Amino acid sequence: MKKLILLVACVLLLALASFAQKSSMDYLEEGSVYYLKHDYQQAIPLYQKAVDLEKKDRKLERKFWLVLVDNLGIAYGITGDIKSSFAVYEYGIATEPTYPMFYYNVACGYGELDDEASAIKNLRLAYQYKKNMIPGEHLPDPMTDSSFAKFLDSDTFKKAVKEMKSGK
């Protein structure tokens, strides 16, 4: 009888534990609290848990998934982990290849790495897909973005951005 009671108690505990598991939305919300406070180190593990859950079983609405992936990539980039930032955006691009902010932020990473050609290449893709922004979102201006500060005196960069802005 004691074994049966113990078995039933274990089954109930396991059932309760499975209901108590956090969802990707829970992690997105928690991570966003830190992200909005510019505490990217605290946001990263929460966002990463959400992405890991989404990789297994996508549950988030598209707009929330885009924000999750974008914010995680930005958080990695701001903390100096460009390699992880690129990995997040590779996942994002593989899943949503026409979302412009993924390309824009990859371009930012290349800007931080002082790779002008790769930055321009990815900016061109961001501008190519800019019509696919989330409603209310806008493409940042590369000429005022600190990630591209190293290129602001470059005629090549200035010409490329001017062309992109004019739709060429």
N, C-alpha and C. Protein backbone atom coordinates (compact mmCIF):
# COMPACT_ATOMS: atom_id res chain seq x y z
N MET A 1 0.82 -1.20 0.00
CA MET A 1 0.00 0.00 0.00
C MET A 1 0.87 1.26 0.00
N LYS A 2 1.96 1.26 0.79
CA LYS A 2 2.85 2.42 0.84
C LYS A 2 3.48 2.67 -0.52
N LYS A 3 3.81 1.58 -1.23
CA LYS A 3 4.41 1.73 -2.55
C LYS A 3 3.42 2.36 -3.53
N LEU A 4 2.17 1.97 -3.44
CA LEU A 4 1.15 2.53 -4.32
C LEU A 4 0.95 4.02 -4.04
N ILE A 5 0.91 4.40 -2.78
CA ILE A 5 0.75 5.81 -2.42
C ILE A 5 1.95 6.62 -2.91
N LEU A 6 3.13 6.06 -2.74
CA LEU A 6 4.35 6.73 -3.19
C LEU A 6 4.34 6.87 -4.71
N LEU A 7 3.91 5.83 -5.41
CA LEU A 7 3.85 5.88 -6.87
C LEU A 7 2.86 6.94 -7.34
N VAL A 8 1.69 6.98 -6.73
CA VAL A 8 0.68 7.98 -7.10
C VAL A 8 1.21 9.39 -6.82
N ALA A 9 1.88 9.57 -5.69
CA ALA A 9 2.44 10.88 -5.35
C ALA A 9 3.49 11.30 -6.38
N CYS A 10 4.32 10.38 -6.80
CA CYS A 10 5.35 10.68 -7.81
C CYS A 10 4.70 11.07 -9.14
N VAL A 11 3.70 10.34 -9.54
CA VAL A 11 3.01 10.64 -10.79
C VAL A 11 2.37 12.03 -10.72
N LEU A 12 1.76 12.35 -9.60
CA LEU A 12 1.14 13.67 -9.44
C LEU A 12 2.19 14.78 -9.47
N LEU A 13 3.31 14.56 -8.82
CA LEU A 13 4.39 15.56 -8.83
C LEU A 13 4.93 15.78 -10.25
N LEU A 14 5.11 14.70 -10.99
CA LEU A 14 5.57 14.82 -12.37
C LEU A 14 4.55 15.56 -13.23
N ALA A 15 3.29 15.26 -13.02
CA ALA A 15 2.23 15.94 -13.78
C ALA A 15 2.21 17.43 -13.45
N LEU A 16 2.34 17.77 -12.18
CA LEU A 16 2.37 19.18 -11.79
C LEU A 16 3.60 19.88 -12.35
N ALA A 17 4.73 19.21 -12.35
CA ALA A 17 5.96 19.80 -12.87
C ALA A 17 5.83 20.09 -14.36
N SER A 18 5.18 19.20 -15.10
CA SER A 18 5.03 19.44 -16.53
C SER A 18 4.12 20.62 -16.80
N PHE A 19 3.11 20.84 -15.95
CA PHE A 19 2.24 22.00 -16.11
C PHE A 19 2.95 23.28 -15.71
N ALA A 20 3.91 23.20 -14.80
CA ALA A 20 4.61 24.38 -14.30
C ALA A 20 5.74 24.83 -15.22
N GLN A 21 6.08 24.06 -16.24
CA GLN A 21 7.17 24.44 -17.13
C GLN A 21 6.81 25.73 -17.86
N LYS A 22 7.80 26.57 -17.99
CA LYS A 22 7.59 27.85 -18.65
C LYS A 22 7.52 27.66 -20.16
N SER A 23 6.77 28.53 -20.78
CA SER A 23 6.64 28.52 -22.24
C SER A 23 7.66 29.49 -22.83
N SER A 24 7.81 29.42 -24.14
CA SER A 24 8.69 30.37 -24.81
C SER A 24 8.19 31.80 -24.62
N MET A 25 6.88 31.99 -24.56
CA MET A 25 6.33 33.33 -24.31
C MET A 25 6.71 33.81 -22.91
N ASP A 26 6.69 32.91 -21.93
CA ASP A 26 7.11 33.28 -20.57
C ASP A 26 8.55 33.77 -20.58
N TYR A 27 9.43 33.03 -21.25
CA TYR A 27 10.84 33.42 -21.32
C TYR A 27 11.02 34.71 -22.12
N LEU A 28 10.25 34.87 -23.19
CA LEU A 28 10.31 36.11 -23.97
C LEU A 28 9.93 37.30 -23.10
N GLU A 29 8.86 37.16 -22.36
CA GLU A 29 8.41 38.25 -21.49
C GLU A 29 9.45 38.58 -20.42
N GLU A 30 9.99 37.55 -19.77
CA GLU A 30 11.00 37.76 -18.72
C GLU A 30 12.26 38.40 -19.30
N GLY A 31 12.70 37.89 -20.42
CA GLY A 31 13.90 38.44 -21.05
C GLY A 31 13.70 39.88 -21.47
N SER A 32 12.50 40.20 -21.92
CA SER A 32 12.21 41.56 -22.38
C SER A 32 12.26 42.58 -21.24
N VAL A 33 11.94 42.15 -20.03
CA VAL A 33 12.05 43.05 -18.87
C VAL A 33 13.50 43.51 -18.74
N TYR A 34 14.44 42.58 -18.83
CA TYR A 34 15.86 42.93 -18.73
C TYR A 34 16.33 43.69 -19.98
N TYR A 35 15.89 43.24 -21.13
CA TYR A 35 16.29 43.87 -22.39
C TYR A 35 15.93 45.35 -22.39
N LEU A 36 14.72 45.65 -21.98
CA LEU A 36 14.26 47.04 -21.97
C LEU A 36 15.01 47.89 -20.95
N LYS A 37 15.61 47.24 -19.96
CA LYS A 37 16.45 47.95 -18.99
C LYS A 37 17.90 48.01 -19.45
N HIS A 38 18.16 47.51 -20.64
CA HIS A 38 19.52 47.44 -21.22
C HIS A 38 20.43 46.50 -20.43
N ASP A 39 19.83 45.54 -19.73
CA ASP A 39 20.59 44.52 -19.01
C ASP A 39 20.63 43.27 -19.89
N TYR A 40 21.45 43.36 -20.94
CA TYR A 40 21.48 42.32 -21.97
C TYR A 40 22.03 41.00 -21.45
N GLN A 41 22.95 41.05 -20.51
CA GLN A 41 23.51 39.81 -19.93
C GLN A 41 22.42 38.99 -19.25
N GLN A 42 21.48 39.65 -18.59
CA GLN A 42 20.37 38.95 -17.94
C GLN A 42 19.31 38.51 -18.95
N ALA A 43 19.17 39.26 -20.02
CA ALA A 43 18.16 38.93 -21.04
C ALA A 43 18.57 37.71 -21.85
N ILE A 44 19.86 37.57 -22.13
CA ILE A 44 20.34 36.52 -23.04
C ILE A 44 19.90 35.12 -22.63
N PRO A 45 20.15 34.66 -21.40
CA PRO A 45 19.76 33.26 -21.11
C PRO A 45 18.25 33.02 -21.19
N LEU A 46 17.47 34.03 -20.86
CA LEU A 46 16.01 33.88 -20.95
C LEU A 46 15.56 33.83 -22.40
N TYR A 47 16.07 34.73 -23.21
CA TYR A 47 15.76 34.69 -24.64
C TYR A 47 16.27 33.40 -25.28
N GLN A 48 17.45 32.96 -24.87
CA GLN A 48 18.01 31.74 -25.46
C GLN A 48 17.13 30.53 -25.13
N LYS A 49 16.60 30.48 -23.90
CA LYS A 49 15.68 29.38 -23.54
C LYS A 49 14.43 29.42 -24.41
N ALA A 50 13.93 30.62 -24.66
CA ALA A 50 12.75 30.75 -25.52
C ALA A 50 13.05 30.28 -26.94
N VAL A 51 14.20 30.68 -27.47
CA VAL A 51 14.58 30.25 -28.82
C VAL A 51 14.74 28.74 -28.86
N ASP A 52 15.39 28.18 -27.86
CA ASP A 52 15.57 26.72 -27.82
C ASP A 52 14.23 25.99 -27.82
N LEU A 53 13.27 26.52 -27.06
CA LEU A 53 11.93 25.92 -27.06
C LEU A 53 11.26 26.07 -28.43
N GLU A 54 11.43 27.22 -29.05
CA GLU A 54 10.82 27.46 -30.36
C GLU A 54 11.44 26.57 -31.44
N LYS A 55 12.73 26.28 -31.30
CA LYS A 55 13.38 25.38 -32.27
C LYS A 55 12.77 23.99 -32.20
N LYS A 56 12.38 23.57 -31.01
CA LYS A 56 11.77 22.25 -30.84
C LYS A 56 10.32 22.21 -31.30
N ASP A 57 9.59 23.29 -30.97
CA ASP A 57 8.16 23.33 -31.28
C ASP A 57 7.71 24.78 -31.32
N ARG A 58 7.54 25.29 -32.50
CA ARG A 58 7.21 26.71 -32.66
C ARG A 58 5.80 26.97 -32.16
N LYS A 59 5.69 27.86 -31.18
CA LYS A 59 4.41 28.21 -30.57
C LYS A 59 4.09 29.69 -30.69
N LEU A 60 5.13 30.53 -30.77
CA LEU A 60 4.91 31.97 -30.77
C LEU A 60 4.30 32.44 -32.08
N GLU A 61 3.47 33.48 -31.97
CA GLU A 61 2.99 34.16 -33.17
C GLU A 61 4.22 34.70 -33.90
N ARG A 62 4.10 34.85 -35.19
CA ARG A 62 5.22 35.30 -36.03
C ARG A 62 5.86 36.58 -35.50
N LYS A 63 5.04 37.60 -35.19
CA LYS A 63 5.61 38.88 -34.76
C LYS A 63 6.39 38.73 -33.46
N PHE A 64 5.94 37.88 -32.55
CA PHE A 64 6.67 37.68 -31.30
C PHE A 64 7.95 36.88 -31.54
N TRP A 65 7.86 35.91 -32.45
CA TRP A 65 9.05 35.12 -32.78
C TRP A 65 10.12 36.03 -33.41
N LEU A 66 9.71 36.91 -34.31
CA LEU A 66 10.66 37.83 -34.93
C LEU A 66 11.32 38.72 -33.89
N VAL A 67 10.55 39.25 -32.96
CA VAL A 67 11.10 40.10 -31.90
C VAL A 67 12.05 39.30 -31.03
N LEU A 68 11.68 38.08 -30.70
CA LEU A 68 12.54 37.22 -29.87
C LEU A 68 13.90 37.02 -30.53
N VAL A 69 13.89 36.57 -31.76
CA VAL A 69 15.15 36.28 -32.47
C VAL A 69 15.96 37.56 -32.64
N ASP A 70 15.29 38.63 -33.02
CA ASP A 70 15.98 39.90 -33.23
C ASP A 70 16.60 40.40 -31.93
N ASN A 71 15.83 40.39 -30.86
CA ASN A 71 16.35 40.89 -29.58
C ASN A 71 17.50 40.03 -29.06
N LEU A 72 17.41 38.72 -29.22
CA LEU A 72 18.51 37.86 -28.77
C LEU A 72 19.77 38.16 -29.56
N GLY A 73 19.64 38.28 -30.87
CA GLY A 73 20.81 38.61 -31.69
C GLY A 73 21.42 39.95 -31.31
N ILE A 74 20.57 40.94 -31.07
CA ILE A 74 21.06 42.26 -30.66
C ILE A 74 21.75 42.17 -29.31
N ALA A 75 21.14 41.45 -28.37
CA ALA A 75 21.73 41.33 -27.03
C ALA A 75 23.12 40.70 -27.11
N TYR A 76 23.25 39.64 -27.89
CA TYR A 76 24.58 39.04 -28.07
C TYR A 76 25.54 40.05 -28.69
N GLY A 77 25.09 40.76 -29.70
CA GLY A 77 25.96 41.72 -30.37
C GLY A 77 26.41 42.84 -29.46
N ILE A 78 25.48 43.40 -28.69
CA ILE A 78 25.82 44.51 -27.80
C ILE A 78 26.81 44.07 -26.72
N THR A 79 26.72 42.81 -26.31
CA THR A 79 27.65 42.33 -25.28
C THR A 79 28.97 41.85 -25.88
N GLY A 80 29.12 42.02 -27.19
CA GLY A 80 30.39 41.70 -27.84
C GLY A 80 30.51 40.29 -28.37
N ASP A 81 29.46 39.49 -28.25
CA ASP A 81 29.50 38.11 -28.74
C ASP A 81 28.92 38.07 -30.16
N ILE A 82 29.69 38.59 -31.10
CA ILE A 82 29.24 38.68 -32.49
C ILE A 82 29.00 37.30 -33.09
N LYS A 83 29.84 36.34 -32.72
CA LYS A 83 29.70 34.97 -33.24
C LYS A 83 28.32 34.40 -32.88
N SER A 84 27.92 34.55 -31.63
CA SER A 84 26.60 34.04 -31.22
C SER A 84 25.48 34.85 -31.87
N SER A 85 25.70 36.15 -32.03
CA SER A 85 24.72 36.99 -32.71
C SER A 85 24.50 36.48 -34.13
N PHE A 86 25.59 36.23 -34.86
CA PHE A 86 25.47 35.71 -36.22
C PHE A 86 24.74 34.36 -36.23
N ALA A 87 25.01 33.51 -35.26
CA ALA A 87 24.35 32.19 -35.22
C ALA A 87 22.84 32.36 -35.04
N VAL A 88 22.43 33.28 -34.19
CA VAL A 88 21.01 33.54 -33.98
C VAL A 88 20.37 34.03 -35.28
N TYR A 89 21.05 34.96 -35.96
CA TYR A 89 20.48 35.48 -37.20
C TYR A 89 20.50 34.45 -38.33
N GLU A 90 21.46 33.56 -38.33
CA GLU A 90 21.45 32.47 -39.33
C GLU A 90 20.19 31.62 -39.15
N TYR A 91 19.86 31.32 -37.89
CA TYR A 91 18.64 30.59 -37.59
C TYR A 91 17.42 31.40 -38.05
N GLY A 92 17.41 32.68 -37.73
CA GLY A 92 16.29 33.54 -38.12
C GLY A 92 16.11 33.60 -39.63
N ILE A 93 17.21 33.79 -40.34
CA ILE A 93 17.16 33.89 -41.80
C ILE A 93 16.75 32.57 -42.43
N ALA A 94 17.19 31.47 -41.86
CA ALA A 94 16.80 30.15 -42.39
C ALA A 94 15.29 29.94 -42.26
N THR A 95 14.70 30.54 -41.23
CA THR A 95 13.27 30.37 -40.99
C THR A 95 12.43 31.46 -41.66
N GLU A 96 12.92 32.68 -41.63
CA GLU A 96 12.20 33.84 -42.20
C GLU A 96 13.17 34.61 -43.10
N PRO A 97 13.44 34.10 -44.30
CA PRO A 97 14.49 34.69 -45.13
C PRO A 97 14.19 36.06 -45.71
N THR A 98 12.99 36.59 -45.54
CA THR A 98 12.69 37.91 -46.09
C THR A 98 12.42 38.95 -45.00
N TYR A 99 12.82 38.66 -43.77
CA TYR A 99 12.64 39.65 -42.71
C TYR A 99 13.88 40.55 -42.67
N PRO A 100 13.70 41.84 -42.97
CA PRO A 100 14.86 42.72 -43.18
C PRO A 100 15.72 42.99 -41.96
N MET A 101 15.16 43.00 -40.77
CA MET A 101 15.95 43.36 -39.60
C MET A 101 17.03 42.32 -39.29
N PHE A 102 16.80 41.07 -39.68
CA PHE A 102 17.86 40.08 -39.49
C PHE A 102 19.09 40.46 -40.31
N TYR A 103 18.87 40.87 -41.54
CA TYR A 103 19.99 41.28 -42.40
C TYR A 103 20.62 42.58 -41.90
N TYR A 104 19.78 43.50 -41.47
CA TYR A 104 20.30 44.77 -40.97
C TYR A 104 21.23 44.52 -39.78
N ASN A 105 20.81 43.66 -38.88
CA ASN A 105 21.61 43.42 -37.69
C ASN A 105 22.85 42.57 -37.97
N VAL A 106 22.78 41.71 -38.97
CA VAL A 106 24.00 41.02 -39.42
C VAL A 106 24.97 42.07 -39.98
N ALA A 107 24.43 43.02 -40.74
CA ALA A 107 25.28 44.11 -41.25
C ALA A 107 25.93 44.87 -40.10
N CYS A 108 25.18 45.11 -39.05
CA CYS A 108 25.75 45.78 -37.87
C CYS A 108 26.92 44.98 -37.30
N GLY A 109 26.76 43.68 -37.22
CA GLY A 109 27.84 42.82 -36.74
C GLY A 109 29.08 42.96 -37.60
N TYR A 110 28.88 42.97 -38.90
CA TYR A 110 30.03 43.15 -39.80
C TYR A 110 30.63 44.55 -39.65
N GLY A 111 29.78 45.52 -39.37
CA GLY A 111 30.30 46.85 -39.10
C GLY A 111 31.21 46.86 -37.88
N GLU A 112 30.78 46.15 -36.84
CA GLU A 112 31.60 46.06 -35.63
C GLU A 112 32.91 45.34 -35.91
N LEU A 113 32.89 44.41 -36.87
CA LEU A 113 34.10 43.66 -37.23
C LEU A 113 34.94 44.38 -38.29
N ASP A 114 34.50 45.57 -38.70
CA ASP A 114 35.21 46.39 -39.69
C ASP A 114 35.27 45.72 -41.06
N ASP A 115 34.19 45.01 -41.42
CA ASP A 115 34.09 44.33 -42.72
C ASP A 115 33.05 45.09 -43.55
N GLU A 116 33.52 46.12 -44.24
CA GLU A 116 32.63 47.00 -44.99
C GLU A 116 31.86 46.26 -46.09
N ALA A 117 32.54 45.43 -46.84
CA ALA A 117 31.88 44.74 -47.96
C ALA A 117 30.74 43.86 -47.47
N SER A 118 30.95 43.11 -46.40
CA SER A 118 29.89 42.25 -45.87
C SER A 118 28.77 43.07 -45.25
N ALA A 119 29.12 44.18 -44.63
CA ALA A 119 28.10 45.06 -44.08
C ALA A 119 27.20 45.59 -45.19
N ILE A 120 27.80 46.07 -46.26
CA ILE A 120 27.02 46.59 -47.39
C ILE A 120 26.16 45.50 -48.01
N LYS A 121 26.72 44.33 -48.18
CA LYS A 121 25.97 43.20 -48.77
C LYS A 121 24.70 42.93 -47.96
N ASN A 122 24.82 42.90 -46.65
CA ASN A 122 23.66 42.61 -45.81
C ASN A 122 22.71 43.80 -45.70
N LEU A 123 23.24 45.01 -45.75
CA LEU A 123 22.36 46.17 -45.80
C LEU A 123 21.51 46.16 -47.06
N ARG A 124 22.12 45.76 -48.17
CA ARG A 124 21.35 45.68 -49.43
C ARG A 124 20.18 44.71 -49.29
N LEU A 125 20.41 43.59 -48.62
CA LEU A 125 19.33 42.62 -48.41
C LEU A 125 18.26 43.21 -47.48
N ALA A 126 18.68 43.93 -46.46
CA ALA A 126 17.71 44.57 -45.56
C ALA A 126 16.83 45.54 -46.34
N TYR A 127 17.44 46.35 -47.18
CA TYR A 127 16.66 47.31 -47.98
C TYR A 127 15.80 46.58 -49.01
N GLN A 128 16.30 45.49 -49.55
CA GLN A 128 15.52 44.72 -50.54
C GLN A 128 14.22 44.21 -49.93
N TYR A 129 14.27 43.82 -48.65
CA TYR A 129 13.11 43.23 -47.98
C TYR A 129 12.39 44.19 -47.04
N LYS A 130 12.69 45.48 -47.11
CA LYS A 130 12.16 46.42 -46.12
C LYS A 130 10.63 46.46 -46.07
N LYS A 131 9.98 46.07 -47.15
CA LYS A 131 8.50 46.04 -47.15
C LYS A 131 7.96 44.96 -46.20
N ASN A 132 8.82 44.09 -45.72
CA ASN A 132 8.39 43.00 -44.84
C ASN A 132 8.60 43.30 -43.35
N MET A 133 8.76 44.58 -43.04
CA MET A 133 8.91 44.98 -41.64
C MET A 133 7.61 44.69 -40.90
N ILE A 134 7.72 44.50 -39.59
CA ILE A 134 6.53 44.39 -38.75
C ILE A 134 5.84 45.75 -38.79
N PRO A 135 4.50 45.80 -38.91
CA PRO A 135 3.81 47.10 -38.95
C PRO A 135 4.23 47.98 -37.76
N GLY A 136 4.56 49.23 -38.09
CA GLY A 136 5.00 50.17 -37.07
C GLY A 136 6.51 50.21 -36.88
N GLU A 137 7.20 49.24 -37.44
CA GLU A 137 8.65 49.16 -37.34
C GLU A 137 9.25 49.89 -38.55
N HIS A 138 10.45 50.43 -38.38
CA HIS A 138 11.12 51.07 -39.51
C HIS A 138 12.57 50.63 -39.56
N LEU A 139 13.11 50.69 -40.75
CA LEU A 139 14.51 50.34 -40.96
C LEU A 139 15.37 51.49 -40.45
N PRO A 140 16.32 51.22 -39.57
CA PRO A 140 17.19 52.29 -39.06
C PRO A 140 18.05 52.89 -40.18
N ASP A 141 18.57 54.06 -39.93
CA ASP A 141 19.43 54.74 -40.88
C ASP A 141 20.87 54.33 -40.62
N PRO A 142 21.51 53.62 -41.55
CA PRO A 142 22.90 53.20 -41.33
C PRO A 142 23.86 54.38 -41.13
N MET A 143 23.50 55.54 -41.65
CA MET A 143 24.39 56.70 -41.54
C MET A 143 24.41 57.28 -40.13
N THR A 144 23.47 56.88 -39.29
CA THR A 144 23.45 57.36 -37.91
C THR A 144 23.65 56.23 -36.90
N ASP A 145 23.89 55.04 -37.39
CA ASP A 145 24.04 53.86 -36.53
C ASP A 145 25.52 53.71 -36.14
N SER A 146 25.78 53.63 -34.85
CA SER A 146 27.17 53.55 -34.35
C SER A 146 27.91 52.31 -34.86
N SER A 147 27.19 51.28 -35.25
CA SER A 147 27.86 50.08 -35.78
C SER A 147 28.59 50.35 -37.08
N PHE A 148 28.18 51.40 -37.78
CA PHE A 148 28.79 51.73 -39.07
C PHE A 148 29.67 52.98 -39.00
N ALA A 149 29.96 53.44 -37.80
CA ALA A 149 30.74 54.67 -37.62
C ALA A 149 32.08 54.60 -38.35
N LYS A 150 32.68 53.43 -38.41
CA LYS A 150 33.99 53.27 -39.06
C LYS A 150 33.92 53.54 -40.57
N PHE A 151 32.71 53.46 -41.12
CA PHE A 151 32.55 53.58 -42.57
C PHE A 151 32.03 54.95 -43.01
N LEU A 152 31.76 55.83 -42.09
CA LEU A 152 31.10 57.09 -42.44
C LEU A 152 31.95 58.00 -43.32
N ASP A 153 33.25 57.79 -43.33
CA ASP A 153 34.12 58.56 -44.21
C ASP A 153 34.41 57.83 -45.52
N SER A 154 33.86 56.64 -45.66
CA SER A 154 34.10 55.82 -46.85
C SER A 154 33.14 56.22 -47.97
N ASP A 155 33.70 56.60 -49.11
CA ASP A 155 32.88 56.94 -50.27
C ASP A 155 32.07 55.73 -50.73
N THR A 156 32.68 54.56 -50.64
CA THR A 156 31.99 53.32 -51.04
C THR A 156 30.74 53.11 -50.19
N PHE A 157 30.88 53.27 -48.89
CA PHE A 157 29.75 53.06 -47.98
C PHE A 157 28.68 54.12 -48.22
N LYS A 158 29.09 55.38 -48.29
CA LYS A 158 28.13 56.47 -48.48
C LYS A 158 27.36 56.31 -49.79
N LYS A 159 28.07 55.93 -50.84
CA LYS A 159 27.42 55.73 -52.14
C LYS A 159 26.43 54.57 -52.08
N ALA A 160 26.85 53.48 -51.46
CA ALA A 160 25.97 52.30 -51.36
C ALA A 160 24.71 52.62 -50.57
N VAL A 161 24.83 53.30 -49.45
CA VAL A 161 23.66 53.65 -48.64
C VAL A 161 22.74 54.60 -49.41
N LYS A 162 23.33 55.55 -50.10
CA LYS A 162 22.52 56.48 -50.91
C LYS A 162 21.72 55.72 -51.96
N GLU A 163 22.37 54.75 -52.61
CA GLU A 163 21.66 53.93 -53.61
C GLU A 163 20.54 53.13 -52.97
N MET A 164 20.82 52.53 -51.81
CA MET A 164 19.80 51.72 -51.14
C MET A 164 18.60 52.57 -50.75
N LYS A 165 18.87 53.74 -50.22
CA LYS A 165 17.79 54.62 -49.79
C LYS A 165 16.94 55.09 -50.96
N SER A 166 17.57 55.22 -52.13
CA SER A 166 16.81 55.66 -53.32
C SER A 166 16.14 54.50 -54.05
N GLY A 167 16.37 53.30 -53.56
CA GLY A 167 15.72 52.12 -54.15
C GLY A 167 16.49 51.48 -55.28
N LYS A 168 17.74 51.84 -55.46
CA LYS A 168 18.54 51.25 -56.55
C LYS A 168 19.21 49.98 -56.10
